Amino acid sequence: MYPVRFLLVDGQSATIRTMQLNDLAAIDAMHDRLSRQSLYERYFVSYRPSLDALREQMQLSQHRGMALVATLDSAADEIIGMSYYLLIPDDVGVAEPAFLVEDRFQGQGLGSALFYYLTQEALSQALRGFRIFILPENRRMLRLLDQKTFPAERHYRDGMYEVRLDFQVACE
C-alpha cells in the first residue's frame, strides 16, 4: 500500500509511508520546528521529547502498533507529519492513536490524510476502534474527528476529551 502520494491544499506533493527506525533524526528535527502550542496539543504539556523518548516511541509503535510519516516530495528526507497507534493491552481490539503535523502544514489536509491511512491500517488489522485523548484547545483535531465516518462517543473529564471511535459500525 505504501508509499502513497497526495496533494496538499496548497498544491505541494507529499508522500505518506511507513515509519522506519532510521527516521529518528528527521522526526527529532521536525520536533525542533514545532511551536509550543503544537507540542502542548500533542503531549499535553509544552514538552520537547528527548531523542531517547522519541526512539522509545518509535520502537513501541513498531512492536505494538503501526506508524506512518509524511514527507514533501521536494524534500523527501524532511518529515513534516507523523501518526501512529499503540494497541491498548486492557482493551482488546482498540488502539490509541497520536497525530503530529508540523505547524506550516496544518490546515493543508495532511492531518486528515494521516488519519485516513492510519484508520485503514487499523481496519486491515481488524481493530474494533480507536480511543483518543484530546485537549479542548485542540480544535483542529476535534473538527477532524467530527468529519469521520465512524460513530464516536465523546466524554469530557479531567480536563480533556476522551473520544472512542467504533469501526464496527459506519455512520449513515
Foldseek 3Di string as FASTA:
>chain_A
DDFDWDAWQVGFIKTKDWDDLVLLVLVLVLLVQADLVLCCFQVVHSDNDDSVVSSVVVVQQVPFWTKMFMDTPVCRSHTFKMKIWGDDVVPPLEIEMTIGGHPVRPPGCPRLVNVVVRVVVSVVVVRQWYKYKGAPVPVSVVVSVVPAQFDWDWDDDPRIIIIITGPVDGHD
